Structures are given as structure tokens and as C-alpha cells.
Amino acid sequence: MTREQAIRAIESRSDARRGGLDGGADLLATGEMGIGNTTVASAIAAAITGAAAERVTGRGTGVDDATLARKVAVVRQALEVNRPTRVMGSTCSRRSAASRSVASSA
């Protein structure tokens, strides 16, 4: 994705952004979709919110039950290894970067 495409994608969601903020959202995040990215995003969401891995980890590209269970285990492992605290997303992202290597095997 080029920079211009990214800007257009974000701007095209401006109504959703405004609606989310007006609706009381505490966090808005943008990202991309690809293999393994939802696992890392789940680890970051769990670290920021304190939610359980099972609560924030989804099927991503539509994986089966066994793969979903493996993704949840990877998120748990990333949190245990990196022990992130509830901090700003950018710091959490850096700490969770190590989970990318673990997540890529999920």
C-alpha cells in the first residue's frame, strides 16, 4: 500500500472515526490485514486493555478451531514472555514486536 492509498483509506473512514469518538471510544487504531497481523494485534489489545487472550483473539482469516486455539496460546505466550504493562499503544507495540516471530508460526 502506498502512502497515498493509506491516507485515502484512513480518510474514507472519517465518518466511522467521528462516530467512534462521539460514541465514547477510548482508542482508535488503524492497521492492515494480512497473515499473522491479527495475532500480533490481539497481543497488543490484550496488553493495552488487560483483557484475556481468548477475549481479544479472533479467527482472522477464518481459521478453524485448532488454529484459533493455537493463536490464543501464541498471544498468551507473547504476553508472558514480554510482560507488557498497560501503557500507550506505541510502547506496547514495540514490546509486542517480539511476538511477531512467535505469531508467524501460528
C-alpha atoms as a PDB file:
ATOM      1  CA  MET A   1       0.000   0.000   0.000  1.00  0.00           C
ATOM      2  CA  THR A   2       1.376   3.370  -0.928  1.00  0.00           C
ATOM      3  CA  ARG A   3       1.312   6.348   1.405  1.00  0.00           C
ATOM      4  CA  GLU A   4      -1.409   7.949  -0.710  1.00  0.00           C
ATOM      5  CA  GLN A   5      -3.538   4.786  -0.567  1.00  0.00           C
ATOM      6  CA  ALA A   6      -3.131   4.630   3.200  1.00  0.00           C
ATOM      7  CA  ILE A   7      -4.188   8.262   3.590  1.00  0.00           C
ATOM      8  CA  ARG A   8      -7.231   7.698   1.356  1.00  0.00           C
ATOM      9  CA  ALA A   9      -8.193   4.578   3.321  1.00  0.00           C
ATOM     10  CA  ILE A  10      -7.980   6.427   6.629  1.00  0.00           C
ATOM     11  CA  GLU A  11      -9.817   9.462   5.296  1.00  0.00           C
ATOM     12  CA  SER A  12     -12.570   7.302   3.816  1.00  0.00           C
ATOM     13  CA  ARG A  13     -13.329   6.067   7.311  1.00  0.00           C
ATOM     14  CA  SER A  14     -13.605   9.576   8.764  1.00  0.00           C
ATOM     15  CA  ASP A  15     -17.321   9.144   9.490  1.00  0.00           C
ATOM     16  CA  ALA A  16     -16.611   5.932  11.379  1.00  0.00           C
ATOM     17  CA  ARG A  17     -13.801   7.673  13.268  1.00  0.00           C
ATOM     18  CA  ARG A  18     -16.041  10.546  14.256  1.00  0.00           C
ATOM     19  CA  GLY A  19     -18.827   8.162  15.210  1.00  0.00           C
ATOM     20  CA  GLY A  20     -16.473   6.121  17.354  1.00  0.00           C
ATOM     21  CA  LEU A  21     -15.102   9.145  19.157  1.00  0.00           C
ATOM     22  CA  ASP A  22     -18.553  10.679  19.565  1.00  0.00           C
ATOM     23  CA  GLY A  23     -19.738   7.314  20.852  1.00  0.00           C
ATOM     24  CA  GLY A  24     -17.177   7.335  23.645  1.00  0.00           C
ATOM     25  CA  ALA A  25     -14.348   5.252  22.179  1.00  0.00           C
ATOM     26  CA  ASP A  26     -11.102   5.471  24.150  1.00  0.00           C
ATOM     27  CA  LEU A  27      -8.910   4.091  21.386  1.00  0.00           C
ATOM     28  CA  LEU A  28      -8.990   4.185  17.610  1.00  0.00           C
ATOM     29  CA  ALA A  29      -6.406   2.169  15.741  1.00  0.00           C
ATOM     30  CA  THR A  30      -5.733   1.647  12.079  1.00  0.00           C
ATOM     31  CA  GLY A  31      -3.920  -1.239  10.570  1.00  0.00           C
ATOM     32  CA  GLU A  32      -3.575  -3.584   7.715  1.00  0.00           C
ATOM     33  CA  MET A  33      -4.842  -7.061   7.080  1.00  0.00           C
ATOM     34  CA  GLY A  34      -2.500  -9.930   6.393  1.00  0.00           C
ATOM     35  CA  ILE A  35      -1.404 -13.300   7.620  1.00  0.00           C
ATOM     36  CA  GLY A  36      -0.239 -13.125  11.251  1.00  0.00           C
ATOM     37  CA  ASN A  37      -1.181  -9.499  11.819  1.00  0.00           C
ATOM     38  CA  THR A  38      -4.346 -10.265  13.775  1.00  0.00           C
ATOM     39  CA  THR A  39      -2.351 -12.382  16.232  1.00  0.00           C
ATOM     40  CA  VAL A  40       0.016  -9.517  16.993  1.00  0.00           C
ATOM     41  CA  ALA A  41      -2.905  -7.079  17.151  1.00  0.00           C
ATOM     42  CA  SER A  42      -4.597  -9.393  19.660  1.00  0.00           C
ATOM     43  CA  ALA A  43      -1.497  -9.402  21.862  1.00  0.00           C
ATOM     44  CA  ILE A  44      -1.355  -5.604  21.767  1.00  0.00           C
ATOM     45  CA  ALA A  45      -5.087  -5.315  22.535  1.00  0.00           C
ATOM     46  CA  ALA A  46      -4.737  -7.689  25.485  1.00  0.00           C
ATOM     47  CA  ALA A  47      -1.762  -5.733  26.827  1.00  0.00           C
ATOM     48  CA  ILE A  48      -3.482  -2.366  26.494  1.00  0.00           C
ATOM     49  CA  THR A  49      -6.856  -3.437  27.867  1.00  0.00           C
ATOM     50  CA  GLY A  50      -5.896  -6.199  30.273  1.00  0.00           C
ATOM     51  CA  ALA A  51      -8.425  -8.469  28.536  1.00  0.00           C
ATOM     52  CA  ALA A  52      -7.836 -12.205  28.378  1.00  0.00           C
ATOM     53  CA  ALA A  53      -6.247 -13.608  25.230  1.00  0.00           C
ATOM     54  CA  GLU A  54      -9.439 -15.546  24.473  1.00  0.00           C
ATOM     55  CA  ARG A  55     -11.480 -12.360  24.518  1.00  0.00           C
ATOM     56  CA  VAL A  56      -9.369 -10.386  22.046  1.00  0.00           C
ATOM     57  CA  THR A  57      -8.200 -13.136  19.687  1.00  0.00           C
ATOM     58  CA  GLY A  58     -10.413 -13.921  16.728  1.00  0.00           C
ATOM     59  CA  ARG A  59     -10.347 -16.122  13.679  1.00  0.00           C
ATOM     60  CA  GLY A  60      -8.607 -13.547  11.488  1.00  0.00           C
ATOM     61  CA  THR A  61      -8.739 -15.042   8.011  1.00  0.00           C
ATOM     62  CA  GLY A  62     -11.342 -17.577   9.113  1.00  0.00           C
ATOM     63  CA  VAL A  63      -9.139 -20.226  10.692  1.00  0.00           C
ATOM     64  CA  ASP A  64     -10.503 -23.475  12.117  1.00  0.00           C
ATOM     65  CA  ASP A  65     -10.920 -24.243  15.833  1.00  0.00           C
ATOM     66  CA  ALA A  66      -7.482 -25.854  16.216  1.00  0.00           C
ATOM     67  CA  THR A  67      -5.724 -22.876  14.644  1.00  0.00           C
ATOM     68  CA  LEU A  68      -7.747 -20.431  16.754  1.00  0.00           C
ATOM     69  CA  ALA A  69      -6.671 -22.320  19.889  1.00  0.00           C
ATOM     70  CA  ARG A  70      -3.051 -22.072  18.711  1.00  0.00           C
ATOM     71  CA  LYS A  71      -3.440 -18.316  18.105  1.00  0.00           C
ATOM     72  CA  VAL A  72      -4.805 -17.826  21.629  1.00  0.00           C
ATOM     73  CA  ALA A  73      -1.843 -19.816  23.012  1.00  0.00           C
ATOM     74  CA  VAL A  74       0.581 -17.660  20.999  1.00  0.00           C
ATOM     75  CA  VAL A  75      -0.987 -14.467  22.369  1.00  0.00           C
ATOM     76  CA  ARG A  76      -0.728 -15.815  25.922  1.00  0.00           C
ATOM     77  CA  GLN A  77       2.904 -16.786  25.329  1.00  0.00           C
ATOM     78  CA  ALA A  78       3.757 -13.363  23.874  1.00  0.00           C
ATOM     79  CA  LEU A  79       2.246 -11.669  26.926  1.00  0.00           C
ATOM     80  CA  GLU A  80       4.092 -13.963  29.332  1.00  0.00           C
ATOM     81  CA  VAL A  81       7.438 -13.541  27.557  1.00  0.00           C
ATOM     82  CA  ASN A  82       7.209  -9.768  27.076  1.00  0.00           C
ATOM     83  CA  ARG A  83       5.199  -8.896  30.216  1.00  0.00           C
ATOM     84  CA  PRO A  84       3.856  -5.621  28.814  1.00  0.00           C
ATOM     85  CA  THR A  85       2.137  -3.178  31.118  1.00  0.00           C
ATOM     86  CA  ARG A  86      -0.911  -1.097  30.340  1.00  0.00           C
ATOM     87  CA  VAL A  87       0.882   1.674  28.505  1.00  0.00           C
ATOM     88  CA  MET A  88       0.437   3.691  25.378  1.00  0.00           C
ATOM     89  CA  GLY A  89      -0.047   1.608  22.248  1.00  0.00           C
ATOM     90  CA  SER A  90       3.246   2.605  20.651  1.00  0.00           C
ATOM     91  CA  THR A  91       5.259   1.318  23.599  1.00  0.00           C
ATOM     92  CA  CYS A  92       3.118  -1.786  23.731  1.00  0.00           C
ATOM     93  CA  SER A  93       3.664  -2.310  20.010  1.00  0.00           C
ATOM     94  CA  ARG A  94       7.424  -2.208  20.461  1.00  0.00           C
ATOM     95  CA  ARG A  95       7.302  -4.690  23.330  1.00  0.00           C
ATOM     96  CA  SER A  96       4.961  -6.946  21.395  1.00  0.00           C
ATOM     97  CA  ALA A  97       7.189  -6.880  18.315  1.00  0.00           C
ATOM     98  CA  ALA A  98       8.936  -9.948  19.651  1.00  0.00           C
ATOM     99  CA  SER A  99       5.618 -11.774  19.385  1.00  0.00           C
ATOM    100  CA  ARG A 100       5.757 -11.353  15.592  1.00  0.00           C
ATOM    101  CA  SER A 101       8.311 -14.144  15.348  1.00  0.00           C
ATOM    102  CA  VAL A 102       6.178 -16.351  17.595  1.00  0.00           C
ATOM    103  CA  ALA A 103       2.964 -15.315  15.803  1.00  0.00           C
ATOM    104  CA  SER A 104       4.364 -16.094  12.386  1.00  0.00           C
ATOM    105  CA  SER A 105       4.363 -19.751  13.332  1.00  0.00           C
ATOM    106  CA  ALA A 106       0.653 -19.629  14.245  1.00  0.00           C
END
